[in-house]
Amino acid sequence: MILYTPLAQHEIFPDDQEGFSNVEHIAYGGRMIYAARMKDGTYQVQQLVSTDPQDYLRAEFSPGSILS
């Protein structure tokens, strides 16, 4: 497999999988998001997965935003 990306290999395929144990792939507002589940049951956005460029301009989908 060939990936054409400016990211380093360890950023795409990290050696330490422990940091991803609480990250889930969820649907929110009709969009797919990778989010970390917090202790209080809310989610913190890690990454938005969308083909619509307008989705990336919405503040609710920015990394670090809290979803309830």
Foldseek 3Di string as FASTA:
>chain_A
DDDDDPDDPCVVVPPDCVVQPQWDFDADPNWTFTWGQDPVGKTFTQDTDDPDPVVCVDPCNDGGHIGD
